[in-house]
Amino acid sequence: MKKINLALQGGGAHGAFTWGVLCRLLQEDDIEIAAISGTSAGALNAAALKSGWVANGRAGAIENLDWLWTEVGAVTDPMFAPWVGASTPTVELWAKAMKYSPAYTAFDMTTRMFSPYIYGPAMQNPLAKIVSKFHYDAVCATTGPELHICATNVRSGKIRVFSGDEIMPKVIMASACLPSLFQAVEFEDPKTGKVEAFWDGGYTGNPALYPLFSRNLPDDLLVVNINPLYRDALPTDTQSIENRINEISFNSSLLRELRAIAFVKRLLADGSIKPGTMKDVLVHMIADDALMNGLNVATKTIPTPLILARLKEAGEAAADKFLKDHKKDLGKRSSVNLSEMFN
């Protein structure tokens, strides 16, 4: 049995790519998921997998992930589908059509001009109804994979990782709270006993890797990356510039932790520290930057069934390629060259 830890990035509706990756990994009976760290969309995927796994093993996890993204696909503006779908044969054209559609243009202008606080308590994240339907006795169960959810404390600016029975609906909503769209999620933090305000975890940990460094967990760490590390095209319009700024900031915490892993590996390799002193993490990554480069902030913000389905297919294909190329590396070596990544 090959045991792995999963690190699931956030990235709005593009988290459907992770849906496909997870469904493909769950088909491998000889791969066991020991722990998951998730942020934003990654937190939703992680909670759905964990609760389904506890209820009915691998089949339950797949069924719950399918249910989650069917629900997410229903959270959209009905103006988009008929207007865009009639004239867009490819995903890339669909993405461009969405970006310049009257409905998205109006939405984008509104979020730039008005604070979410002007709407008062009536302003609700549409994901709240979905998140409330998770079975939290299963999400917080001591069986199945360990679960860690990341959010950002608004006042301190620090990362907060929620684990075990700390996880509740407001924790997942906090992890997915983009401050330009939604009011901060406020609740009593079990750790401090104080009412704290939280924003999206992507600002401080997308996702946090350090909870997966525990000695009782396996060495293999598989990152599912849905924010492109590299974009060929220089962003020139306002939407593209802000989207790229978002991607860079959401990747920065991940890159910092990967750089720290690379540093430890160098110390171990040159004998500066003794083997066993620090964990030698074996890093793997599944991504599809080519697809993500063809999408944009509109497809990330507005879930549409066609895009979600395409992202799932891409995730399954990327996971399948990873398994064919690197399943043999699990438990033995990293399949990501960190030295090359940071040179």
C-alpha atoms as a PDB file:
ATOM      1  CA  MET A   1       0.000   0.000   0.000  1.00  0.00           C
ATOM      2  CA  LYS A   2       1.341   3.422  -1.015  1.00  0.00           C
ATOM      3  CA  LYS A   3       0.371   6.153   1.451  1.00  0.00           C
ATOM      4  CA  ILE A   4       0.253   9.826   0.457  1.00  0.00           C
ATOM      5  CA  ASN A   5      -0.731  13.244   1.773  1.00  0.00           C
ATOM      6  CA  LEU A   6      -2.723  15.632  -0.401  1.00  0.00           C
ATOM      7  CA  ALA A   7      -2.359  19.421  -0.621  1.00  0.00           C
ATOM      8  CA  LEU A   8      -5.362  20.909  -2.436  1.00  0.00           C
ATOM      9  CA  GLN A   9      -5.173  24.474  -3.725  1.00  0.00           C
ATOM     10  CA  GLY A  10      -8.021  26.928  -3.904  1.00  0.00           C
ATOM     11  CA  GLY A  11      -8.999  28.699  -7.108  1.00  0.00           C
ATOM     12  CA  GLY A  12     -12.759  29.122  -7.256  1.00  0.00           C
ATOM     13  CA  ALA A  13     -14.674  27.059  -9.799  1.00  0.00           C
ATOM     14  CA  HIS A  14     -11.357  25.799 -11.189  1.00  0.00           C
ATOM     15  CA  GLY A  15     -11.379  23.491  -8.160  1.00  0.00           C
ATOM     16  CA  ALA A  16     -13.379  21.145 -10.406  1.00  0.00           C
ATOM     17  CA  PHE A  17      -9.977  20.142 -11.822  1.00  0.00           C
ATOM     18  CA  THR A  18      -9.151  18.760  -8.367  1.00  0.00           C
ATOM     19  CA  TRP A  19     -12.483  16.926  -8.387  1.00  0.00           C
ATOM     20  CA  GLY A  20     -11.282  14.980 -11.427  1.00  0.00           C
ATOM     21  CA  VAL A  21      -7.855  14.347  -9.907  1.00  0.00           C
ATOM     22  CA  LEU A  22      -9.344  12.973  -6.699  1.00  0.00           C
ATOM     23  CA  CYS A  23     -11.848  10.736  -8.480  1.00  0.00           C
ATOM     24  CA  ARG A  24      -9.011   9.199 -10.498  1.00  0.00           C
ATOM     25  CA  LEU A  25      -6.747   8.707  -7.463  1.00  0.00           C
ATOM     26  CA  LEU A  26      -9.575   7.079  -5.526  1.00  0.00           C
ATOM     27  CA  GLN A  27      -9.786   4.378  -8.200  1.00  0.00           C
ATOM     28  CA  GLU A  28      -6.308   3.161  -7.199  1.00  0.00           C
ATOM     29  CA  ASP A  29      -6.898   0.558  -4.488  1.00  0.00           C
ATOM     30  CA  ASP A  30      -3.225   0.470  -3.552  1.00  0.00           C
ATOM     31  CA  ILE A  31      -3.016   4.217  -2.805  1.00  0.00           C
ATOM     32  CA  GLU A  32      -4.192   5.355   0.616  1.00  0.00           C
ATOM     33  CA  ILE A  33      -4.782   9.028   1.444  1.00  0.00           C
ATOM     34  CA  ALA A  34      -3.424   9.610   4.941  1.00  0.00           C
ATOM     35  CA  ALA A  35      -4.029  13.359   5.313  1.00  0.00           C
ATOM     36  CA  ILE A  36      -5.386  16.336   3.371  1.00  0.00           C
ATOM     37  CA  SER A  37      -4.701  20.053   3.662  1.00  0.00           C
ATOM     38  CA  GLY A  38      -7.131  22.193   1.693  1.00  0.00           C
ATOM     39  CA  THR A  39      -7.902  25.845   1.086  1.00  0.00           C
ATOM     40  CA  SER A  40     -11.014  27.457  -0.408  1.00  0.00           C
ATOM     41  CA  ALA A  41     -12.199  25.143  -3.218  1.00  0.00           C
ATOM     42  CA  GLY A  42      -9.576  22.711  -1.935  1.00  0.00           C
ATOM     43  CA  ALA A  43     -11.281  22.800   1.462  1.00  0.00           C
ATOM     44  CA  LEU A  44     -14.630  21.912  -0.117  1.00  0.00           C
ATOM     45  CA  ASN A  45     -13.053  19.042  -2.032  1.00  0.00           C
ATOM     46  CA  ALA A  46     -11.249  17.829   1.088  1.00  0.00           C
ATOM     47  CA  ALA A  47     -14.370  17.900   3.252  1.00  0.00           C
ATOM     48  CA  ALA A  48     -16.455  16.145   0.597  1.00  0.00           C
ATOM     49  CA  LEU A  49     -13.840  13.415   0.172  1.00  0.00           C
ATOM     50  CA  LYS A  50     -13.411  12.906   3.917  1.00  0.00           C
ATOM     51  CA  SER A  51     -17.118  12.713   4.746  1.00  0.00           C
ATOM     52  CA  GLY A  52     -17.827  10.393   1.816  1.00  0.00           C
ATOM     53  CA  TRP A  53     -14.851   8.188   2.703  1.00  0.00           C
ATOM     54  CA  VAL A  54     -15.998   7.795   6.309  1.00  0.00           C
ATOM     55  CA  ALA A  55     -19.527   6.936   5.174  1.00  0.00           C
ATOM     56  CA  ASN A  56     -18.697   4.426   2.427  1.00  0.00           C
ATOM     57  CA  GLY A  57     -14.991   4.245   1.594  1.00  0.00           C
ATOM     58  CA  ARG A  58     -13.708   5.126  -1.864  1.00  0.00           C
ATOM     59  CA  ALA A  59     -17.103   4.789  -3.552  1.00  0.00           C
ATOM     60  CA  GLY A  60     -18.615   7.102  -0.947  1.00  0.00           C
ATOM     61  CA  ALA A  61     -15.864   9.674  -1.483  1.00  0.00           C
ATOM     62  CA  ILE A  62     -16.380   9.703  -5.263  1.00  0.00           C
ATOM     63  CA  GLU A  63     -20.150   9.917  -4.873  1.00  0.00           C
ATOM     64  CA  ASN A  64     -19.837  12.839  -2.453  1.00  0.00           C
ATOM     65  CA  LEU A  65     -17.427  14.723  -4.726  1.00  0.00           C
ATOM     66  CA  ASP A  66     -19.831  14.241  -7.659  1.00  0.00           C
ATOM     67  CA  TRP A  67     -22.678  15.561  -5.501  1.00  0.00           C
ATOM     68  CA  LEU A  68     -20.629  18.591  -4.416  1.00  0.00           C
ATOM     69  CA  TRP A  69     -19.792  19.751  -7.941  1.00  0.00           C
ATOM     70  CA  THR A  70     -23.291  19.089  -9.226  1.00  0.00           C
ATOM     71  CA  GLU A  71     -24.474  21.449  -6.492  1.00  0.00           C
ATOM     72  CA  VAL A  72     -21.769  24.002  -7.316  1.00  0.00           C
ATOM     73  CA  GLY A  73     -22.715  23.849 -11.008  1.00  0.00           C
ATOM     74  CA  ALA A  74     -26.245  24.870 -10.072  1.00  0.00           C
ATOM     75  CA  VAL A  75     -24.916  28.041  -8.395  1.00  0.00           C
ATOM     76  CA  THR A  76     -24.710  30.268 -11.462  1.00  0.00           C
ATOM     77  CA  ASP A  77     -26.511  33.075 -13.206  1.00  0.00           C
ATOM     78  CA  PRO A  78     -28.977  31.529 -15.707  1.00  0.00           C
ATOM     79  CA  MET A  79     -28.198  34.407 -18.085  1.00  0.00           C
ATOM     80  CA  PHE A  80     -24.789  32.898 -18.838  1.00  0.00           C
ATOM     81  CA  ALA A  81     -25.670  29.469 -20.233  1.00  0.00           C
ATOM     82  CA  PRO A  82     -28.023  30.386 -23.065  1.00  0.00           C
ATOM     83  CA  TRP A  83     -26.125  33.546 -24.060  1.00  0.00           C
ATOM     84  CA  VAL A  84     -22.695  31.933 -24.131  1.00  0.00           C
ATOM     85  CA  GLY A  85     -23.454  28.337 -24.985  1.00  0.00           C
ATOM     86  CA  ALA A  86     -25.100  29.094 -28.313  1.00  0.00           C
ATOM     87  CA  SER A  87     -21.925  30.384 -29.955  1.00  0.00           C
ATOM     88  CA  THR A  88     -18.880  28.899 -28.179  1.00  0.00           C
ATOM     89  CA  PRO A  89     -17.678  25.504 -29.454  1.00  0.00           C
ATOM     90  CA  THR A  90     -14.523  25.304 -27.301  1.00  0.00           C
ATOM     91  CA  VAL A  91     -13.725  25.880 -23.641  1.00  0.00           C
ATOM     92  CA  GLU A  92     -11.270  28.666 -24.496  1.00  0.00           C
ATOM     93  CA  LEU A  93     -13.894  30.525 -26.564  1.00  0.00           C
ATOM     94  CA  TRP A  94     -16.447  29.946 -23.809  1.00  0.00           C
ATOM     95  CA  ALA A  95     -14.016  31.513 -21.313  1.00  0.00           C
ATOM     96  CA  LYS A  96     -13.536  34.587 -23.504  1.00  0.00           C
ATOM     97  CA  ALA A  97     -17.260  34.900 -24.134  1.00  0.00           C
ATOM     98  CA  MET A  98     -17.965  34.739 -20.408  1.00  0.00           C
ATOM     99  CA  LYS A  99     -15.313  37.350 -19.651  1.00  0.00           C
ATOM    100  CA  TYR A 100     -16.875  39.862 -22.041  1.00  0.00           C
ATOM    101  CA  SER A 101     -20.518  38.921 -21.526  1.00  0.00           C
ATOM    102  CA  PRO A 102     -22.899  41.669 -20.330  1.00  0.00           C
ATOM    103  CA  ALA A 103     -23.769  39.639 -17.236  1.00  0.00           C
ATOM    104  CA  TYR A 104     -20.156  39.181 -16.101  1.00  0.00           C
ATOM    105  CA  THR A 105     -19.221  42.775 -16.993  1.00  0.00           C
ATOM    106  CA  ALA A 106     -22.030  44.049 -14.761  1.00  0.00           C
ATOM    107  CA  PHE A 107     -21.001  41.673 -11.978  1.00  0.00           C
ATOM    108  CA  ASP A 108     -17.349  42.710 -12.220  1.00  0.00           C
ATOM    109  CA  MET A 109     -18.146  46.433 -12.171  1.00  0.00           C
ATOM    110  CA  THR A 110     -20.405  46.003  -9.157  1.00  0.00           C
ATOM    111  CA  THR A 111     -17.760  44.181  -7.103  1.00  0.00           C
ATOM    112  CA  ARG A 112     -15.174  46.854  -7.946  1.00  0.00           C
ATOM    113  CA  MET A 113     -17.430  49.756  -7.030  1.00  0.00           C
ATOM    114  CA  PHE A 114     -19.201  48.493  -3.921  1.00  0.00           C
ATOM    115  CA  SER A 115     -18.080  46.861  -0.703  1.00  0.00           C
ATOM    116  CA  PRO A 116     -19.919  43.639   0.197  1.00  0.00           C
ATOM    117  CA  TYR A 117     -20.804  45.359   3.484  1.00  0.00           C
ATOM    118  CA  ILE A 118     -23.233  47.775   1.829  1.00  0.00           C
ATOM    119  CA  TYR A 119     -25.693  44.912   1.382  1.00  0.00           C
ATOM    120  CA  GLY A 120     -25.860  44.148   5.110  1.00  0.00           C
ATOM    121  CA  PRO A 121     -26.756  40.660   6.368  1.00  0.00           C
ATOM    122  CA  ALA A 122     -28.666  39.953   3.150  1.00  0.00           C
ATOM    123  CA  MET A 123     -25.339  39.349   1.368  1.00  0.00           C
ATOM    124  CA  GLN A 124     -24.785  35.580   1.574  1.00  0.00           C
ATOM    125  CA  ASN A 125     -22.228  33.330  -0.076  1.00  0.00           C
ATOM    126  CA  PRO A 126     -24.266  30.916  -2.245  1.00  0.00           C
ATOM    127  CA  LEU A 127     -21.912  28.101  -1.213  1.00  0.00           C
ATOM    128  CA  ALA A 128     -23.247  28.327   2.356  1.00  0.00           C
ATOM    129  CA  LYS A 129     -26.273  26.142   1.565  1.00  0.00           C
ATOM    130  CA  ILE A 130     -24.005  23.464   0.081  1.00  0.00           C
ATOM    131  CA  VAL A 131     -21.492  23.554   2.923  1.00  0.00           C
ATOM    132  CA  SER A 132     -24.280  23.259   5.504  1.00  0.00           C
ATOM    133  CA  LYS A 133     -25.261  19.890   3.985  1.00  0.00           C
ATOM    134  CA  PHE A 134     -21.915  18.218   4.756  1.00  0.00           C
ATOM    135  CA  HIS A 135     -22.116  15.570   7.495  1.00  0.00           C
ATOM    136  CA  TYR A 136     -19.793  17.094  10.085  1.00  0.00           C
ATOM    137  CA  ASP A 137     -19.694  14.013  12.280  1.00  0.00           C
ATOM    138  CA  ALA A 138     -17.934  12.393   9.303  1.00  0.00           C
ATOM    139  CA  VAL A 139     -15.901  15.491   8.355  1.00  0.00           C
ATOM    140  CA  CYS A 140     -14.511  15.639  11.905  1.00  0.00           C
ATOM    141  CA  ALA A 141     -14.225  11.861  12.420  1.00  0.00           C
ATOM    142  CA  THR A 142     -10.988  10.396  13.764  1.00  0.00           C
ATOM    143  CA  THR A 143     -11.176   7.707  11.063  1.00  0.00           C
ATOM    144  CA  GLY A 144     -10.266   8.301   7.435  1.00  0.00           C
ATOM    145  CA  PRO A 145      -7.733  10.898   6.286  1.00  0.00           C
ATOM    146  CA  GLU A 146      -6.627  13.664   8.648  1.00  0.00           C
ATOM    147  CA  LEU A 147      -8.216  16.938   7.559  1.00  0.00           C
ATOM    148  CA  HIS A 148      -6.739  20.446   7.780  1.00  0.00           C
ATOM    149  CA  ILE A 149      -8.539  23.594   6.542  1.00  0.00           C
ATOM    150  CA  CYS A 150      -6.744  26.931   6.053  1.00  0.00           C
ATOM    151  CA  ALA A 151      -8.139  30.445   6.559  1.00  0.00           C
ATOM    152  CA  THR A 152      -6.608  33.907   7.012  1.00  0.00           C
ATOM    153  CA  ASN A 153      -7.168  35.875  10.223  1.00  0.00           C
ATOM    154  CA  VAL A 154      -8.150  39.344   8.988  1.00  0.00           C
ATOM    155  CA  ARG A 155      -6.881  41.305  11.982  1.00  0.00           C
ATOM    156  CA  SER A 156      -3.563  39.521  12.569  1.00  0.00           C
ATOM    157  CA  GLY A 157      -2.893  38.613   8.924  1.00  0.00           C
ATOM    158  CA  LYS A 158      -1.760  35.172  10.086  1.00  0.00           C
ATOM    159  CA  ILE A 159      -2.706  31.760   8.807  1.00  0.00           C
ATOM    160  CA  ARG A 160      -5.114  29.697  10.888  1.00  0.00           C
ATOM    161  CA  VAL A 161      -5.253  25.977  10.248  1.00  0.00           C
ATOM    162  CA  PHE A 162      -8.358  24.227  11.586  1.00  0.00           C
ATOM    163  CA  SER A 163      -8.185  20.494  12.210  1.00  0.00           C
ATOM    164  CA  GLY A 164     -10.323  17.676  13.573  1.00  0.00           C
ATOM    165  CA  ASP A 165     -13.388  18.715  15.537  1.00  0.00           C
ATOM    166  CA  GLU A 166     -12.542  22.412  15.032  1.00  0.00           C
ATOM    167  CA  ILE A 167     -13.969  22.135  11.516  1.00  0.00           C
ATOM    168  CA  MET A 168     -17.527  23.400  11.113  1.00  0.00           C
ATOM    169  CA  PRO A 169     -19.497  25.089   8.307  1.00  0.00           C
ATOM    170  CA  LYS A 170     -18.157  28.570   9.107  1.00  0.00           C
ATOM    171  CA  VAL A 171     -14.571  27.289   8.930  1.00  0.00           C
ATOM    172  CA  ILE A 172     -15.050  26.059   5.367  1.00  0.00           C
ATOM    173  CA  MET A 173     -16.890  29.255   4.439  1.00  0.00           C
ATOM    174  CA  ALA A 174     -14.032  31.299   5.930  1.00  0.00           C
ATOM    175  CA  SER A 175     -11.519  29.351   3.866  1.00  0.00           C
ATOM    176  CA  ALA A 176     -13.454  30.308   0.716  1.00  0.00           C
ATOM    177  CA  CYS A 177     -14.238  33.943   1.599  1.00  0.00           C
ATOM    178  CA  LEU A 178     -12.926  36.341  -1.053  1.00  0.00           C
ATOM    179  CA  PRO A 179     -13.076  39.790   0.598  1.00  0.00           C
ATOM    180  CA  SER A 180     -14.034  41.616  -2.593  1.00  0.00           C
ATOM    181  CA  LEU A 181     -17.156  39.461  -2.878  1.00  0.00           C
ATOM    182  CA  PHE A 182     -18.200  38.528   0.648  1.00  0.00           C
ATOM    183  CA  GLN A 183     -18.117  39.891   4.169  1.00  0.00           C
ATOM    184  CA  ALA A 184     -15.519  38.353   6.472  1.00  0.00           C
ATOM    185  CA  VAL A 185     -16.727  35.194   8.214  1.00  0.00           C
ATOM    186  CA  GLU A 186     -16.826  35.784  11.965  1.00  0.00           C
ATOM    187  CA  PHE A 187     -17.090  33.153  14.684  1.00  0.00           C
ATOM    188  CA  GLU A 188     -15.547  32.136  17.992  1.00  0.00           C
ATOM    189  CA  ASP A 189     -12.186  30.539  17.353  1.00  0.00           C
ATOM    190  CA  PRO A 190     -11.957  27.341  19.461  1.00  0.00           C
ATOM    191  CA  LYS A 191      -8.252  28.011  20.016  1.00  0.00           C
ATOM    192  CA  THR A 192      -8.526  31.576  21.392  1.00  0.00           C
ATOM    193  CA  GLY A 193     -12.103  31.638  22.648  1.00  0.00           C
ATOM    194  CA  LYS A 194     -12.479  35.020  20.918  1.00  0.00           C
ATOM    195  CA  VAL A 195     -14.682  36.024  17.995  1.00  0.00           C
ATOM    196  CA  GLU A 196     -12.318  36.335  15.040  1.00  0.00           C
ATOM    197  CA  ALA A 197     -12.847  37.451  11.437  1.00  0.00           C
ATOM    198  CA  PHE A 198     -11.491  35.351   8.573  1.00  0.00           C
ATOM    199  CA  TRP A 199     -10.888  35.709   4.837  1.00  0.00           C
ATOM    200  CA  ASP A 200      -9.866  33.212   2.169  1.00  0.00           C
ATOM    201  CA  GLY A 201      -7.015  30.950   3.250  1.00  0.00           C
ATOM    202  CA  GLY A 202      -5.280  31.428  -0.098  1.00  0.00           C
ATOM    203  CA  TYR A 203      -3.642  34.636   1.108  1.00  0.00           C
ATOM    204  CA  THR A 204      -1.562  32.842   3.754  1.00  0.00           C
ATOM    205  CA  GLY A 205      -1.610  29.151   2.831  1.00  0.00           C
ATOM    206  CA  ASN A 206      -2.760  27.780  -0.504  1.00  0.00           C
ATOM    207  CA  PRO A 207      -2.724  25.303   0.997  1.00  0.00           C
ATOM    208  CA  ALA A 208      -0.614  25.030   4.151  1.00  0.00           C
ATOM    209  CA  LEU A 209       1.894  22.211   3.770  1.00  0.00           C
ATOM    210  CA  TYR A 210       3.365  22.186   7.270  1.00  0.00           C
ATOM    211  CA  PRO A 211       0.467  20.237   8.901  1.00  0.00           C
ATOM    212  CA  LEU A 212       1.490  17.379   6.590  1.00  0.00           C
ATOM    213  CA  PHE A 213       5.087  17.282   7.902  1.00  0.00           C
ATOM    214  CA  SER A 214       4.103  15.345  11.033  1.00  0.00           C
ATOM    215  CA  ARG A 215       6.290  12.297  11.651  1.00  0.00           C
ATOM    216  CA  ASN A 216       3.261  10.015  11.900  1.00  0.00           C
ATOM    217  CA  LEU A 217       2.322  10.843   8.285  1.00  0.00           C
ATOM    218  CA  PRO A 218       3.886   9.428   5.107  1.00  0.00           C
ATOM    219  CA  ASP A 219       6.745  11.201   3.331  1.00  0.00           C
ATOM    220  CA  ASP A 220       4.911  11.597   0.012  1.00  0.00           C
ATOM    221  CA  LEU A 221       3.185  14.947  -0.516  1.00  0.00           C
ATOM    222  CA  LEU A 222       1.045  15.369  -3.647  1.00  0.00           C
ATOM    223  CA  VAL A 223       0.137  18.977  -4.494  1.00  0.00           C
ATOM    224  CA  VAL A 224      -2.843  19.550  -6.788  1.00  0.00           C
ATOM    225  CA  ASN A 225      -2.088  22.948  -8.313  1.00  0.00           C
ATOM    226  CA  ILE A 226      -4.884  24.909  -9.994  1.00  0.00           C
ATOM    227  CA  ASN A 227      -3.234  28.357 -10.085  1.00  0.00           C
ATOM    228  CA  PRO A 228      -0.751  28.539 -12.973  1.00  0.00           C
ATOM    229  CA  LEU A 229       2.815  29.043 -11.790  1.00  0.00           C
ATOM    230  CA  TYR A 230       3.707  30.490 -15.190  1.00  0.00           C
ATOM    231  CA  ARG A 231       1.731  32.422 -17.802  1.00  0.00           C
ATOM    232  CA  ASP A 232       3.123  33.112 -21.270  1.00  0.00           C
ATOM    233  CA  ALA A 233       0.815  36.016 -22.028  1.00  0.00           C
ATOM    234  CA  LEU A 234       1.448  39.371 -20.382  1.00  0.00           C
ATOM    235  CA  PRO A 235      -1.832  40.558 -18.798  1.00  0.00           C
ATOM    236  CA  THR A 236      -2.818  43.955 -20.193  1.00  0.00           C
ATOM    237  CA  ASP A 237      -6.491  44.492 -19.339  1.00  0.00           C
ATOM    238  CA  THR A 238      -7.687  45.251 -15.815  1.00  0.00           C
ATOM    239  CA  GLN A 239      -9.344  41.886 -15.237  1.00  0.00           C
ATOM    240  CA  SER A 240      -6.319  39.913 -16.426  1.00  0.00           C
ATOM    241  CA  ILE A 241      -3.912  42.007 -14.348  1.00  0.00           C
ATOM    242  CA  GLU A 242      -5.946  41.516 -11.168  1.00  0.00           C
ATOM    243  CA  ASN A 243      -6.338  37.817 -11.905  1.00  0.00           C
ATOM    244  CA  ARG A 244      -2.572  37.389 -12.313  1.00  0.00           C
ATOM    245  CA  ILE A 245      -1.920  39.338  -9.111  1.00  0.00           C
ATOM    246  CA  ASN A 246      -4.323  36.945  -7.398  1.00  0.00           C
ATOM    247  CA  GLU A 247      -2.582  33.890  -8.835  1.00  0.00           C
ATOM    248  CA  ILE A 248       0.853  35.143  -7.783  1.00  0.00           C
ATOM    249  CA  SER A 249      -0.284  35.956  -4.247  1.00  0.00           C
ATOM    250  CA  PHE A 250      -2.143  32.646  -3.938  1.00  0.00           C
ATOM    251  CA  ASN A 251       0.948  30.730  -5.110  1.00  0.00           C
ATOM    252  CA  SER A 252       3.462  32.653  -2.980  1.00  0.00           C
ATOM    253  CA  SER A 253       2.821  30.782   0.278  1.00  0.00           C
ATOM    254  CA  LEU A 254       3.014  27.423  -1.511  1.00  0.00           C
ATOM    255  CA  LEU A 255       6.308  28.376  -3.169  1.00  0.00           C
ATOM    256  CA  ARG A 256       7.752  29.507   0.175  1.00  0.00           C
ATOM    257  CA  GLU A 257       7.034  26.144   1.754  1.00  0.00           C
ATOM    258  CA  LEU A 258       8.347  24.245  -1.261  1.00  0.00           C
ATOM    259  CA  ARG A 259      11.518  26.328  -1.093  1.00  0.00           C
ATOM    260  CA  ALA A 260      11.874  25.374   2.589  1.00  0.00           C
ATOM    261  CA  ILE A 261      11.531  21.695   1.639  1.00  0.00           C
ATOM    262  CA  ALA A 262      14.227  22.178  -1.025  1.00  0.00           C
ATOM    263  CA  PHE A 263      16.515  23.777   1.590  1.00  0.00           C
ATOM    264  CA  VAL A 264      16.094  20.840   3.971  1.00  0.00           C
ATOM    265  CA  LYS A 265      16.803  18.431   1.121  1.00  0.00           C
ATOM    266  CA  ARG A 266      20.084  20.245   0.381  1.00  0.00           C
ATOM    267  CA  LEU A 267      21.100  20.064   4.046  1.00  0.00           C
ATOM    268  CA  LEU A 268      20.357  16.340   4.112  1.00  0.00           C
ATOM    269  CA  ALA A 269      22.185  15.744   0.834  1.00  0.00           C
ATOM    270  CA  ASP A 270      25.410  17.492   1.894  1.00  0.00           C
ATOM    271  CA  GLY A 271      25.406  15.999   5.375  1.00  0.00           C
ATOM    272  CA  SER A 272      24.806  19.274   7.219  1.00  0.00           C
ATOM    273  CA  ILE A 273      22.061  17.581   9.225  1.00  0.00           C
ATOM    274  CA  LYS A 274      21.714  13.932  10.151  1.00  0.00           C
ATOM    275  CA  PRO A 275      19.098  11.786   8.388  1.00  0.00           C
ATOM    276  CA  GLY A 276      15.983  11.640  10.529  1.00  0.00           C
ATOM    277  CA  THR A 277      16.621  15.016  12.141  1.00  0.00           C
ATOM    278  CA  MET A 278      14.127  16.644   9.776  1.00  0.00           C
ATOM    279  CA  LYS A 279      11.576  15.025   7.509  1.00  0.00           C
ATOM    280  CA  ASP A 280      12.679  14.372   3.923  1.00  0.00           C
ATOM    281  CA  VAL A 281       9.437  15.213   2.128  1.00  0.00           C
ATOM    282  CA  LEU A 282       8.904  13.597  -1.271  1.00  0.00           C
ATOM    283  CA  VAL A 283       7.128  16.178  -3.419  1.00  0.00           C
ATOM    284  CA  HIS A 284       4.799  15.418  -6.329  1.00  0.00           C
ATOM    285  CA  MET A 285       2.516  17.722  -8.282  1.00  0.00           C
ATOM    286  CA  ILE A 286      -0.479  17.398 -10.591  1.00  0.00           C
ATOM    287  CA  ALA A 287      -1.396  20.418 -12.711  1.00  0.00           C
ATOM    288  CA  ASP A 288      -2.515  21.470 -16.186  1.00  0.00           C
ATOM    289  CA  ASP A 289      -1.102  24.949 -16.746  1.00  0.00           C
ATOM    290  CA  ALA A 290      -1.939  24.812 -20.459  1.00  0.00           C
ATOM    291  CA  LEU A 291      -5.656  24.486 -19.703  1.00  0.00           C
ATOM    292  CA  MET A 292      -5.570  27.046 -16.886  1.00  0.00           C
ATOM    293  CA  ASN A 293      -3.817  29.545 -19.175  1.00  0.00           C
ATOM    294  CA  GLY A 294      -6.799  29.291 -21.505  1.00  0.00           C
ATOM    295  CA  LEU A 295      -9.261  30.108 -18.730  1.00  0.00           C
ATOM    296  CA  ASN A 296      -9.704  33.360 -16.832  1.00  0.00           C
ATOM    297  CA  VAL A 297     -11.159  35.135 -13.831  1.00  0.00           C
ATOM    298  CA  ALA A 298     -14.721  34.756 -15.174  1.00  0.00           C
ATOM    299  CA  THR A 299     -14.530  30.954 -15.336  1.00  0.00           C
ATOM    300  CA  LYS A 300     -12.964  30.983 -11.872  1.00  0.00           C
ATOM    301  CA  THR A 301     -15.739  33.136 -10.403  1.00  0.00           C
ATOM    302  CA  ILE A 302     -18.857  31.863 -12.193  1.00  0.00           C
ATOM    303  CA  PRO A 303     -19.335  28.075 -12.143  1.00  0.00           C
ATOM    304  CA  THR A 304     -20.893  26.738 -15.342  1.00  0.00           C
ATOM    305  CA  PRO A 305     -21.564  23.038 -15.951  1.00  0.00           C
ATOM    306  CA  LEU A 306     -19.643  22.943 -19.265  1.00  0.00           C
ATOM    307  CA  ILE A 307     -16.462  24.393 -17.737  1.00  0.00           C
ATOM    308  CA  LEU A 308     -16.776  22.225 -14.623  1.00  0.00           C
ATOM    309  CA  ALA A 309     -17.136  19.094 -16.745  1.00  0.00           C
ATOM    310  CA  ARG A 310     -14.125  20.032 -18.871  1.00  0.00           C
ATOM    311  CA  LEU A 311     -12.052  20.730 -15.759  1.00  0.00           C
ATOM    312  CA  LYS A 312     -13.017  17.377 -14.260  1.00  0.00           C
ATOM    313  CA  GLU A 313     -11.980  15.586 -17.448  1.00  0.00           C
ATOM    314  CA  ALA A 314      -8.677  17.459 -17.452  1.00  0.00           C
ATOM    315  CA  GLY A 315      -8.097  16.554 -13.800  1.00  0.00           C
ATOM    316  CA  GLU A 316      -8.750  12.873 -14.476  1.00  0.00           C
ATOM    317  CA  ALA A 317      -6.378  12.942 -17.458  1.00  0.00           C
ATOM    318  CA  ALA A 318      -3.645  14.743 -15.496  1.00  0.00           C
ATOM    319  CA  ALA A 319      -3.947  12.301 -12.607  1.00  0.00           C
ATOM    320  CA  ASP A 320      -3.874   9.370 -15.010  1.00  0.00           C
ATOM    321  CA  LYS A 321      -0.673  10.683 -16.584  1.00  0.00           C
ATOM    322  CA  PHE A 322       0.871  11.196 -13.142  1.00  0.00           C
ATOM    323  CA  LEU A 323       0.054   7.628 -12.145  1.00  0.00           C
ATOM    324  CA  LYS A 324       1.517   6.207 -15.354  1.00  0.00           C
ATOM    325  CA  ASP A 325       4.690   8.283 -15.079  1.00  0.00           C
ATOM    326  CA  HIS A 326       5.282   8.536 -11.348  1.00  0.00           C
ATOM    327  CA  LYS A 327       3.280   6.011  -9.342  1.00  0.00           C
ATOM    328  CA  LYS A 328       6.479   3.997  -9.142  1.00  0.00           C
ATOM    329  CA  ASP A 329       8.178   6.971  -7.453  1.00  0.00           C
ATOM    330  CA  LEU A 330       5.776   7.040  -4.503  1.00  0.00           C
ATOM    331  CA  GLY A 331       7.594   6.110  -1.319  1.00  0.00           C
ATOM    332  CA  LYS A 332      10.977   6.336  -3.061  1.00  0.00           C
ATOM    333  CA  ARG A 333      11.730   9.765  -4.521  1.00  0.00           C
ATOM    334  CA  SER A 334      10.278  13.156  -5.430  1.00  0.00           C
ATOM    335  CA  SER A 335       8.898  13.509  -8.948  1.00  0.00           C
ATOM    336  CA  VAL A 336       9.243  17.319  -8.773  1.00  0.00           C
ATOM    337  CA  ASN A 337      12.740  18.743  -9.222  1.00  0.00           C
ATOM    338  CA  LEU A 338      12.699  21.494  -6.598  1.00  0.00           C
ATOM    339  CA  SER A 339      16.260  22.595  -7.361  1.00  0.00           C
ATOM    340  CA  GLU A 340      15.257  23.237 -10.968  1.00  0.00           C
ATOM    341  CA  MET A 341      12.050  24.990  -9.888  1.00  0.00           C
ATOM    342  CA  PHE A 342      13.936  27.584  -7.836  1.00  0.00           C
ATOM    343  CA  ASN A 343      16.916  28.160 -10.139  1.00  0.00           C
END
